[in-house]
C-alpha atoms as a PDB file:
ATOM      1  CA  MET A   1       0.000   0.000   0.000  1.00  0.00           C
ATOM      2  CA  GLU A   2       1.337   3.421  -0.946  1.00  0.00           C
ATOM      3  CA  THR A   3       1.959   5.854   1.869  1.00  0.00           C
ATOM      4  CA  VAL A   4       0.882   9.480   2.056  1.00  0.00           C
ATOM      5  CA  GLN A   5       4.422  10.591   1.248  1.00  0.00           C
ATOM      6  CA  SER A   6       4.682   8.440  -1.867  1.00  0.00           C
ATOM      7  CA  GLN A   7       1.348   9.735  -3.124  1.00  0.00           C
ATOM      8  CA  PHE A   8       2.407  13.305  -2.418  1.00  0.00           C
ATOM      9  CA  THR A   9       5.620  12.982  -4.432  1.00  0.00           C
ATOM     10  CA  SER A  10       4.289  10.853  -7.290  1.00  0.00           C
ATOM     11  CA  SER A  11       0.684  11.842  -7.828  1.00  0.00           C
ATOM     12  CA  GLY A  12       1.048  11.604 -11.569  1.00  0.00           C
ATOM     13  CA  CYS A  13       0.163  15.266 -12.041  1.00  0.00           C
ATOM     14  CA  HIS A  14       3.017  17.205 -13.610  1.00  0.00           C
ATOM     15  CA  GLN A  15       2.193  20.446 -11.810  1.00  0.00           C
ATOM     16  CA  CYS A  16       1.793  18.658  -8.487  1.00  0.00           C
ATOM     17  CA  ALA A  17       4.983  16.646  -8.731  1.00  0.00           C
ATOM     18  CA  ASN A  18       7.055  19.687  -9.603  1.00  0.00           C
ATOM     19  CA  ASN A  19       5.800  21.972  -6.851  1.00  0.00           C
ATOM     20  CA  PRO A  20       8.309  22.671  -4.072  1.00  0.00           C
ATOM     21  CA  GLY A  21       7.690  21.668  -0.474  1.00  0.00           C
ATOM     22  CA  LEU A  22       7.035  24.041   2.396  1.00  0.00           C
ATOM     23  CA  ASP A  23       9.729  25.888   4.315  1.00  0.00           C
ATOM     24  CA  PHE A  24       7.450  26.540   7.295  1.00  0.00           C
ATOM     25  CA  ASP A  25       5.537  24.403   9.753  1.00  0.00           C
ATOM     26  CA  PHE A  26       1.958  24.645  10.975  1.00  0.00           C
ATOM     27  CA  THR A  27      -0.694  22.647  12.771  1.00  0.00           C
ATOM     28  CA  MET A  28      -4.444  22.721  13.378  1.00  0.00           C
ATOM     29  CA  ALA A  29      -7.056  23.930  15.826  1.00  0.00           C
ATOM     30  CA  PHE A  30     -10.577  22.514  15.800  1.00  0.00           C
ATOM     31  CA  GLN A  31     -13.869  24.376  16.245  1.00  0.00           C
ATOM     32  CA  PRO A  32     -17.146  22.494  16.760  1.00  0.00           C
ATOM     33  CA  ILE A  33     -20.080  22.676  14.384  1.00  0.00           C
ATOM     34  CA  VAL A  34     -23.260  21.945  16.316  1.00  0.00           C
ATOM     35  CA  ASP A  35     -26.666  20.608  15.383  1.00  0.00           C
ATOM     36  CA  ILE A  36     -28.806  22.842  17.538  1.00  0.00           C
ATOM     37  CA  ALA A  37     -31.984  20.821  16.916  1.00  0.00           C
ATOM     38  CA  LYS A  38     -30.399  17.572  18.104  1.00  0.00           C
ATOM     39  CA  GLN A  39     -28.221  19.275  20.737  1.00  0.00           C
ATOM     40  CA  LYS A  40     -25.166  17.387  19.546  1.00  0.00           C
ATOM     41  CA  VAL A  41     -21.901  17.967  17.710  1.00  0.00           C
ATOM     42  CA  PHE A  42     -22.219  17.665  13.930  1.00  0.00           C
ATOM     43  CA  GLY A  43     -18.488  17.949  13.318  1.00  0.00           C
ATOM     44  CA  TYR A  44     -15.310  19.964  13.744  1.00  0.00           C
ATOM     45  CA  GLU A  45     -13.672  22.403  11.348  1.00  0.00           C
ATOM     46  CA  ALA A  46      -9.894  22.169  11.096  1.00  0.00           C
ATOM     47  CA  LEU A  47      -8.370  25.659  11.257  1.00  0.00           C
ATOM     48  CA  VAL A  48      -4.764  26.476  10.423  1.00  0.00           C
ATOM     49  CA  ARG A  49      -2.531  27.635  13.276  1.00  0.00           C
ATOM     50  CA  GLY A  50       1.173  28.203  13.762  1.00  0.00           C
ATOM     51  CA  PRO A  51       3.113  25.508  15.648  1.00  0.00           C
ATOM     52  CA  ASN A  52       2.808  27.517  18.883  1.00  0.00           C
ATOM     53  CA  ASN A  53      -0.840  28.482  18.331  1.00  0.00           C
ATOM     54  CA  GLU A  54      -0.017  31.572  16.311  1.00  0.00           C
ATOM     55  CA  ALA A  55      -2.929  33.047  14.343  1.00  0.00           C
ATOM     56  CA  ALA A  56      -3.842  31.629  10.955  1.00  0.00           C
ATOM     57  CA  TYR A  57      -2.564  34.751   9.203  1.00  0.00           C
ATOM     58  CA  SER A  58       0.993  33.993  10.310  1.00  0.00           C
ATOM     59  CA  VAL A  59       0.750  30.828   8.209  1.00  0.00           C
ATOM     60  CA  ILE A  60      -1.513  31.930   5.348  1.00  0.00           C
ATOM     61  CA  SER A  61       0.669  34.966   4.644  1.00  0.00           C
ATOM     62  CA  ARG A  62       3.476  32.613   3.629  1.00  0.00           C
ATOM     63  CA  VAL A  63       1.424  30.832   0.990  1.00  0.00           C
ATOM     64  CA  ASN A  64       2.124  31.873  -2.599  1.00  0.00           C
ATOM     65  CA  ASP A  65       1.671  30.562  -6.117  1.00  0.00           C
ATOM     66  CA  ASP A  66       4.786  28.408  -5.833  1.00  0.00           C
ATOM     67  CA  ASN A  67       3.819  26.537  -2.663  1.00  0.00           C
ATOM     68  CA  ARG A  68       0.002  26.702  -2.858  1.00  0.00           C
ATOM     69  CA  TYR A  69      -0.381  23.059  -3.888  1.00  0.00           C
ATOM     70  CA  ALA A  70       2.000  21.753  -1.225  1.00  0.00           C
ATOM     71  CA  PHE A  71       0.207  23.826   1.421  1.00  0.00           C
ATOM     72  CA  ASP A  72      -3.234  22.611   0.359  1.00  0.00           C
ATOM     73  CA  GLN A  73      -2.114  18.984   0.428  1.00  0.00           C
ATOM     74  CA  SER A  74      -0.343  19.401   3.780  1.00  0.00           C
ATOM     75  CA  CYS A  75      -3.483  20.935   5.305  1.00  0.00           C
ATOM     76  CA  ARG A  76      -5.495  17.880   4.347  1.00  0.00           C
ATOM     77  CA  VAL A  77      -2.953  15.388   5.676  1.00  0.00           C
ATOM     78  CA  LYS A  78      -2.377  17.255   8.951  1.00  0.00           C
ATOM     79  CA  ALA A  79      -6.121  17.648   9.558  1.00  0.00           C
ATOM     80  CA  ILE A  80      -6.836  13.960   8.933  1.00  0.00           C
ATOM     81  CA  ALA A  81      -3.851  12.749  10.966  1.00  0.00           C
ATOM     82  CA  LEU A  82      -4.679  14.941  13.974  1.00  0.00           C
ATOM     83  CA  ALA A  83      -8.407  14.173  13.808  1.00  0.00           C
ATOM     84  CA  ALA A  84      -7.613  10.458  13.862  1.00  0.00           C
ATOM     85  CA  LYS A  85      -5.191  10.934  16.766  1.00  0.00           C
ATOM     86  CA  LEU A  86      -7.899  12.782  18.714  1.00  0.00           C
ATOM     87  CA  ASN A  87     -10.409  10.027  17.897  1.00  0.00           C
ATOM     88  CA  LEU A  88     -12.824  12.408  16.213  1.00  0.00           C
ATOM     89  CA  GLN A  89     -16.075  10.483  15.714  1.00  0.00           C
ATOM     90  CA  SER A  90     -18.063  13.062  13.758  1.00  0.00           C
ATOM     91  CA  ILE A  91     -17.547  15.097  10.578  1.00  0.00           C
ATOM     92  CA  LEU A  92     -14.114  16.569   9.856  1.00  0.00           C
ATOM     93  CA  SER A  93     -14.370  19.777   7.832  1.00  0.00           C
ATOM     94  CA  ILE A  94     -11.274  20.752   5.837  1.00  0.00           C
ATOM     95  CA  ASN A  95     -10.783  23.981   3.913  1.00  0.00           C
ATOM     96  CA  PHE A  96      -9.330  23.572   0.456  1.00  0.00           C
ATOM     97  CA  LEU A  97      -8.009  25.937  -2.199  1.00  0.00           C
ATOM     98  CA  PRO A  98      -9.718  25.353  -5.587  1.00  0.00           C
ATOM     99  CA  ASN A  99      -6.910  27.173  -7.378  1.00  0.00           C
ATOM    100  CA  ALA A 100      -4.415  24.650  -5.953  1.00  0.00           C
ATOM    101  CA  ILE A 101      -6.125  21.727  -7.663  1.00  0.00           C
ATOM    102  CA  TYR A 102      -4.932  20.981 -11.172  1.00  0.00           C
ATOM    103  CA  GLN A 103      -6.494  17.599 -11.896  1.00  0.00           C
ATOM    104  CA  PRO A 104      -9.115  16.553  -9.308  1.00  0.00           C
ATOM    105  CA  GLU A 105      -8.674  12.846 -10.010  1.00  0.00           C
ATOM    106  CA  ARG A 106      -4.948  12.980  -9.293  1.00  0.00           C
ATOM    107  CA  CYS A 107      -4.760  15.734  -6.689  1.00  0.00           C
ATOM    108  CA  ILE A 108      -7.166  13.836  -4.402  1.00  0.00           C
ATOM    109  CA  ARG A 109      -4.832  10.842  -4.140  1.00  0.00           C
ATOM    110  CA  THR A 110      -2.869  12.216  -1.191  1.00  0.00           C
ATOM    111  CA  THR A 111      -6.115  12.788   0.715  1.00  0.00           C
ATOM    112  CA  LEU A 112      -7.331   9.258   0.040  1.00  0.00           C
ATOM    113  CA  ALA A 113      -3.951   7.838   1.055  1.00  0.00           C
ATOM    114  CA  ALA A 114      -4.038   9.826   4.320  1.00  0.00           C
ATOM    115  CA  ALA A 115      -7.565   8.615   5.097  1.00  0.00           C
ATOM    116  CA  ARG A 116      -6.455   5.017   4.578  1.00  0.00           C
ATOM    117  CA  GLU A 117      -3.217   5.393   6.530  1.00  0.00           C
ATOM    118  CA  TYR A 118      -4.878   6.992   9.556  1.00  0.00           C
ATOM    119  CA  GLY A 119      -8.111   4.996   9.372  1.00  0.00           C
ATOM    120  CA  PHE A 120     -10.426   7.983   8.928  1.00  0.00           C
ATOM    121  CA  PRO A 121     -13.621   7.276   6.918  1.00  0.00           C
ATOM    122  CA  THR A 122     -13.846   9.416   3.776  1.00  0.00           C
ATOM    123  CA  GLU A 123     -17.631   9.730   4.165  1.00  0.00           C
ATOM    124  CA  ARG A 124     -16.994  11.775   7.319  1.00  0.00           C
ATOM    125  CA  ILE A 125     -14.780  14.306   5.535  1.00  0.00           C
ATOM    126  CA  MET A 126     -16.291  17.600   4.410  1.00  0.00           C
ATOM    127  CA  PHE A 127     -14.405  19.878   2.036  1.00  0.00           C
ATOM    128  CA  GLU A 128     -15.268  23.558   2.120  1.00  0.00           C
ATOM    129  CA  PHE A 129     -13.956  26.270  -0.155  1.00  0.00           C
ATOM    130  CA  THR A 130     -14.311  29.944   0.506  1.00  0.00           C
ATOM    131  CA  GLU A 131     -16.592  32.041  -1.653  1.00  0.00           C
ATOM    132  CA  SER A 132     -14.590  35.123  -0.647  1.00  0.00           C
ATOM    133  CA  GLU A 133     -11.590  33.941  -2.690  1.00  0.00           C
ATOM    134  CA  LYS A 134     -11.788  35.138  -6.285  1.00  0.00           C
ATOM    135  CA  ILE A 135     -12.605  32.183  -8.492  1.00  0.00           C
ATOM    136  CA  THR A 136     -11.345  32.666 -12.018  1.00  0.00           C
ATOM    137  CA  ASP A 137     -12.775  29.442 -13.448  1.00  0.00           C
ATOM    138  CA  SER A 138     -16.110  28.400 -11.968  1.00  0.00           C
ATOM    139  CA  GLY A 139     -16.230  25.484 -14.397  1.00  0.00           C
ATOM    140  CA  HIS A 140     -13.079  24.084 -12.820  1.00  0.00           C
ATOM    141  CA  VAL A 141     -14.528  24.429  -9.317  1.00  0.00           C
ATOM    142  CA  LYS A 142     -17.711  22.722 -10.501  1.00  0.00           C
ATOM    143  CA  ARG A 143     -15.682  19.758 -11.758  1.00  0.00           C
ATOM    144  CA  VAL A 144     -13.813  19.540  -8.449  1.00  0.00           C
ATOM    145  CA  VAL A 145     -16.998  19.688  -6.361  1.00  0.00           C
ATOM    146  CA  GLU A 146     -18.845  17.161  -8.508  1.00  0.00           C
ATOM    147  CA  TYR A 147     -15.905  14.752  -8.446  1.00  0.00           C
ATOM    148  CA  TYR A 148     -15.561  15.049  -4.668  1.00  0.00           C
ATOM    149  CA  ARG A 149     -19.258  14.313  -4.256  1.00  0.00           C
ATOM    150  CA  GLU A 150     -18.917  11.264  -6.505  1.00  0.00           C
ATOM    151  CA  LEU A 151     -16.220   9.983  -4.142  1.00  0.00           C
ATOM    152  CA  GLY A 152     -18.580  10.365  -1.187  1.00  0.00           C
ATOM    153  CA  PHE A 153     -17.103  13.510   0.369  1.00  0.00           C
ATOM    154  CA  ILE A 154     -19.414  16.205   1.748  1.00  0.00           C
ATOM    155  CA  THR A 155     -18.947  19.601   0.071  1.00  0.00           C
ATOM    156  CA  ALA A 156     -19.612  23.134   1.297  1.00  0.00           C
ATOM    157  CA  ILE A 157     -19.196  26.761   0.279  1.00  0.00           C
ATOM    158  CA  ASP A 158     -17.648  28.753   3.119  1.00  0.00           C
ATOM    159  CA  ASP A 159     -18.236  32.457   3.862  1.00  0.00           C
ATOM    160  CA  PHE A 160     -21.261  32.538   1.565  1.00  0.00           C
ATOM    161  CA  GLY A 161     -22.433  36.070   0.941  1.00  0.00           C
ATOM    162  CA  ALA A 162     -19.060  37.673   1.630  1.00  0.00           C
ATOM    163  CA  GLY A 163     -17.259  37.414  -1.671  1.00  0.00           C
ATOM    164  CA  TYR A 164     -17.145  37.656  -5.395  1.00  0.00           C
ATOM    165  CA  ALA A 165     -19.586  35.142  -6.798  1.00  0.00           C
ATOM    166  CA  GLY A 166     -22.447  34.516  -4.388  1.00  0.00           C
ATOM    167  CA  LEU A 167     -25.601  33.301  -6.068  1.00  0.00           C
ATOM    168  CA  GLY A 168     -23.728  32.944  -9.361  1.00  0.00           C
ATOM    169  CA  LEU A 169     -21.963  29.912  -7.924  1.00  0.00           C
ATOM    170  CA  LEU A 170     -25.233  28.270  -6.929  1.00  0.00           C
ATOM    171  CA  ALA A 171     -26.577  28.853 -10.435  1.00  0.00           C
ATOM    172  CA  ASN A 172     -23.673  26.816 -11.851  1.00  0.00           C
ATOM    173  CA  PHE A 173     -23.397  24.028  -9.274  1.00  0.00           C
ATOM    174  CA  GLN A 174     -24.632  23.050  -5.833  1.00  0.00           C
ATOM    175  CA  THR A 175     -22.720  21.828  -2.807  1.00  0.00           C
ATOM    176  CA  ASP A 176     -24.216  19.815   0.044  1.00  0.00           C
ATOM    177  CA  LEU A 177     -24.010  22.799   2.406  1.00  0.00           C
ATOM    178  CA  ILE A 178     -23.414  26.506   2.388  1.00  0.00           C
ATOM    179  CA  LYS A 179     -21.970  28.346   5.367  1.00  0.00           C
ATOM    180  CA  LEU A 180     -23.567  31.754   5.795  1.00  0.00           C
ATOM    181  CA  ASP A 181     -20.882  34.350   6.430  1.00  0.00           C
ATOM    182  CA  MET A 182     -20.711  35.876   9.881  1.00  0.00           C
ATOM    183  CA  GLU A 183     -21.270  39.363   8.461  1.00  0.00           C
ATOM    184  CA  LEU A 184     -24.775  38.285   7.493  1.00  0.00           C
ATOM    185  CA  ILE A 185     -25.315  36.792  10.941  1.00  0.00           C
ATOM    186  CA  ARG A 186     -24.001  39.569  13.172  1.00  0.00           C
ATOM    187  CA  ASN A 187     -26.855  41.050  15.253  1.00  0.00           C
ATOM    188  CA  ILE A 188     -29.400  39.426  12.940  1.00  0.00           C
ATOM    189  CA  ASP A 189     -31.928  39.275  15.764  1.00  0.00           C
ATOM    190  CA  ARG A 190     -31.958  43.106  15.770  1.00  0.00           C
ATOM    191  CA  ASP A 191     -31.360  43.853  12.080  1.00  0.00           C
ATOM    192  CA  ASP A 192     -34.354  43.800   9.721  1.00  0.00           C
ATOM    193  CA  THR A 193     -32.213  44.019   6.590  1.00  0.00           C
ATOM    194  CA  ARG A 194     -30.113  41.000   7.501  1.00  0.00           C
ATOM    195  CA  GLN A 195     -33.252  39.097   8.404  1.00  0.00           C
ATOM    196  CA  VAL A 196     -34.727  39.691   4.949  1.00  0.00           C
ATOM    197  CA  ILE A 197     -31.511  38.667   3.172  1.00  0.00           C
ATOM    198  CA  VAL A 198     -30.959  35.513   5.209  1.00  0.00           C
ATOM    199  CA  THR A 199     -34.627  34.494   5.020  1.00  0.00           C
ATOM    200  CA  HIS A 200     -34.483  34.611   1.229  1.00  0.00           C
ATOM    201  CA  LEU A 201     -31.164  32.730   1.134  1.00  0.00           C
ATOM    202  CA  LEU A 202     -32.640  30.021   3.329  1.00  0.00           C
ATOM    203  CA  GLY A 203     -35.613  29.757   0.994  1.00  0.00           C
ATOM    204  CA  ILE A 204     -33.368  29.390  -2.050  1.00  0.00           C
ATOM    205  CA  CYS A 205     -31.268  26.731  -0.361  1.00  0.00           C
ATOM    206  CA  HIS A 206     -34.341  24.830   0.769  1.00  0.00           C
ATOM    207  CA  GLN A 207     -35.626  24.667  -2.802  1.00  0.00           C
ATOM    208  CA  LEU A 208     -32.199  23.563  -4.050  1.00  0.00           C
ATOM    209  CA  LYS A 209     -31.963  20.956  -1.257  1.00  0.00           C
ATOM    210  CA  ILE A 210     -28.838  22.578   0.174  1.00  0.00           C
ATOM    211  CA  ARG A 211     -28.379  22.561   3.941  1.00  0.00           C
ATOM    212  CA  CYS A 212     -27.419  25.864   5.583  1.00  0.00           C
ATOM    213  CA  LEU A 213     -24.890  26.364   8.354  1.00  0.00           C
ATOM    214  CA  ALA A 214     -24.611  29.705  10.131  1.00  0.00           C
ATOM    215  CA  GLU A 215     -21.117  30.651  11.286  1.00  0.00           C
ATOM    216  CA  GLY A 216     -19.875  33.279  13.685  1.00  0.00           C
ATOM    217  CA  ILE A 217     -22.687  32.888  16.241  1.00  0.00           C
ATOM    218  CA  GLU A 218     -21.779  34.943  19.301  1.00  0.00           C
ATOM    219  CA  THR A 219     -25.018  35.690  21.155  1.00  0.00           C
ATOM    220  CA  PRO A 220     -28.096  33.756  22.319  1.00  0.00           C
ATOM    221  CA  GLY A 221     -30.220  36.246  20.374  1.00  0.00           C
ATOM    222  CA  GLU A 222     -28.519  35.378  17.082  1.00  0.00           C
ATOM    223  CA  MET A 223     -28.895  31.683  17.819  1.00  0.00           C
ATOM    224  CA  GLN A 224     -32.583  31.947  18.704  1.00  0.00           C
ATOM    225  CA  TRP A 225     -33.462  33.953  15.589  1.00  0.00           C
ATOM    226  CA  LEU A 226     -31.631  31.508  13.311  1.00  0.00           C
ATOM    227  CA  LYS A 227     -33.189  28.526  15.063  1.00  0.00           C
ATOM    228  CA  GLY A 228     -36.612  30.067  14.542  1.00  0.00           C
ATOM    229  CA  ALA A 229     -35.791  30.570  10.861  1.00  0.00           C
ATOM    230  CA  GLY A 230     -35.048  26.869  10.499  1.00  0.00           C
ATOM    231  CA  VAL A 231     -31.244  26.813  10.703  1.00  0.00           C
ATOM    232  CA  GLU A 232     -30.051  23.687  12.503  1.00  0.00           C
ATOM    233  CA  LEU A 233     -26.267  23.756  11.970  1.00  0.00           C
ATOM    234  CA  MET A 234     -24.332  26.509  13.731  1.00  0.00           C
ATOM    235  CA  GLN A 235     -20.757  27.418  14.591  1.00  0.00           C
ATOM    236  CA  GLY A 236     -19.282  30.182  16.698  1.00  0.00           C
ATOM    237  CA  TYR A 237     -17.848  31.395  19.981  1.00  0.00           C
ATOM    238  CA  LEU A 238     -21.242  31.018  21.664  1.00  0.00           C
ATOM    239  CA  PHE A 239     -20.714  27.254  21.557  1.00  0.00           C
ATOM    240  CA  ALA A 240     -16.924  26.968  21.691  1.00  0.00           C
ATOM    241  CA  LYS A 241     -13.763  28.726  20.601  1.00  0.00           C
ATOM    242  CA  PRO A 242     -11.280  26.763  18.476  1.00  0.00           C
ATOM    243  CA  GLY A 243      -9.212  24.318  20.509  1.00  0.00           C
ATOM    244  CA  PHE A 244      -5.500  24.132  19.714  1.00  0.00           C
ATOM    245  CA  GLU A 245      -4.761  20.551  18.672  1.00  0.00           C
ATOM    246  CA  CYS A 246      -7.777  19.371  20.673  1.00  0.00           C
ATOM    247  CA  LEU A 247     -11.540  18.890  20.393  1.00  0.00           C
ATOM    248  CA  PRO A 248     -13.079  21.501  22.720  1.00  0.00           C
ATOM    249  CA  GLU A 249     -16.192  20.800  24.741  1.00  0.00           C
ATOM    250  CA  VAL A 250     -19.400  22.412  23.537  1.00  0.00           C
ATOM    251  CA  ALA A 251     -21.603  24.662  25.658  1.00  0.00           C
ATOM    252  CA  PHE A 252     -25.229  24.484  24.517  1.00  0.00           C
ATOM    253  CA  PRO A 253     -27.048  27.629  25.728  1.00  0.00           C
END
């Protein structure tokens, strides 16, 4: 059986094989995603951190066009390895960079090898890509998402409503989930405009059979309004802050 390292260095993709490695180290923190209706943990999002719990920016700022692929692949492997070590029994959500994927069929091999090596079921892996990153080729992202879904991965659009494409992405392809950006959520219980926008987004997603997850929940008021609007999946400081290399306990208000 091929190891993660052998897959990483011989994926069969010319661009992948010729990308340099990383000259910096990083690790992961985990933040819970809760199912408020069931009062249980739905999963954990893996968030990049420096080796001594430095902020994500200290790592992300070192990513460039030359090392983007190596960074994306390393994020996946580190997240899977640490989740397995921590005995994570729910969904593992991993952020990925669409622009770092050249050939979906080949670039996924390292992820599959890591899942096998660490014994983490692929059906419990969710890949989310940020809508706030400028996407130059939506057709390419569509192919990636559709291929990942064929393999049994869960897919999600992160930071929905914060970026460049918005509803245009949903017109071209649909993920399993969308994560409503925290800017749409902030003070929504006291903001009529945000309530109108989010209500309509929820209606669109319901008709498209896409599940919604609200991120950045900080107050009981925000949680209660979203719960009343039919949102079941939530994430934010109200429930738990990210835990450095650990799975933090959840506080259900």
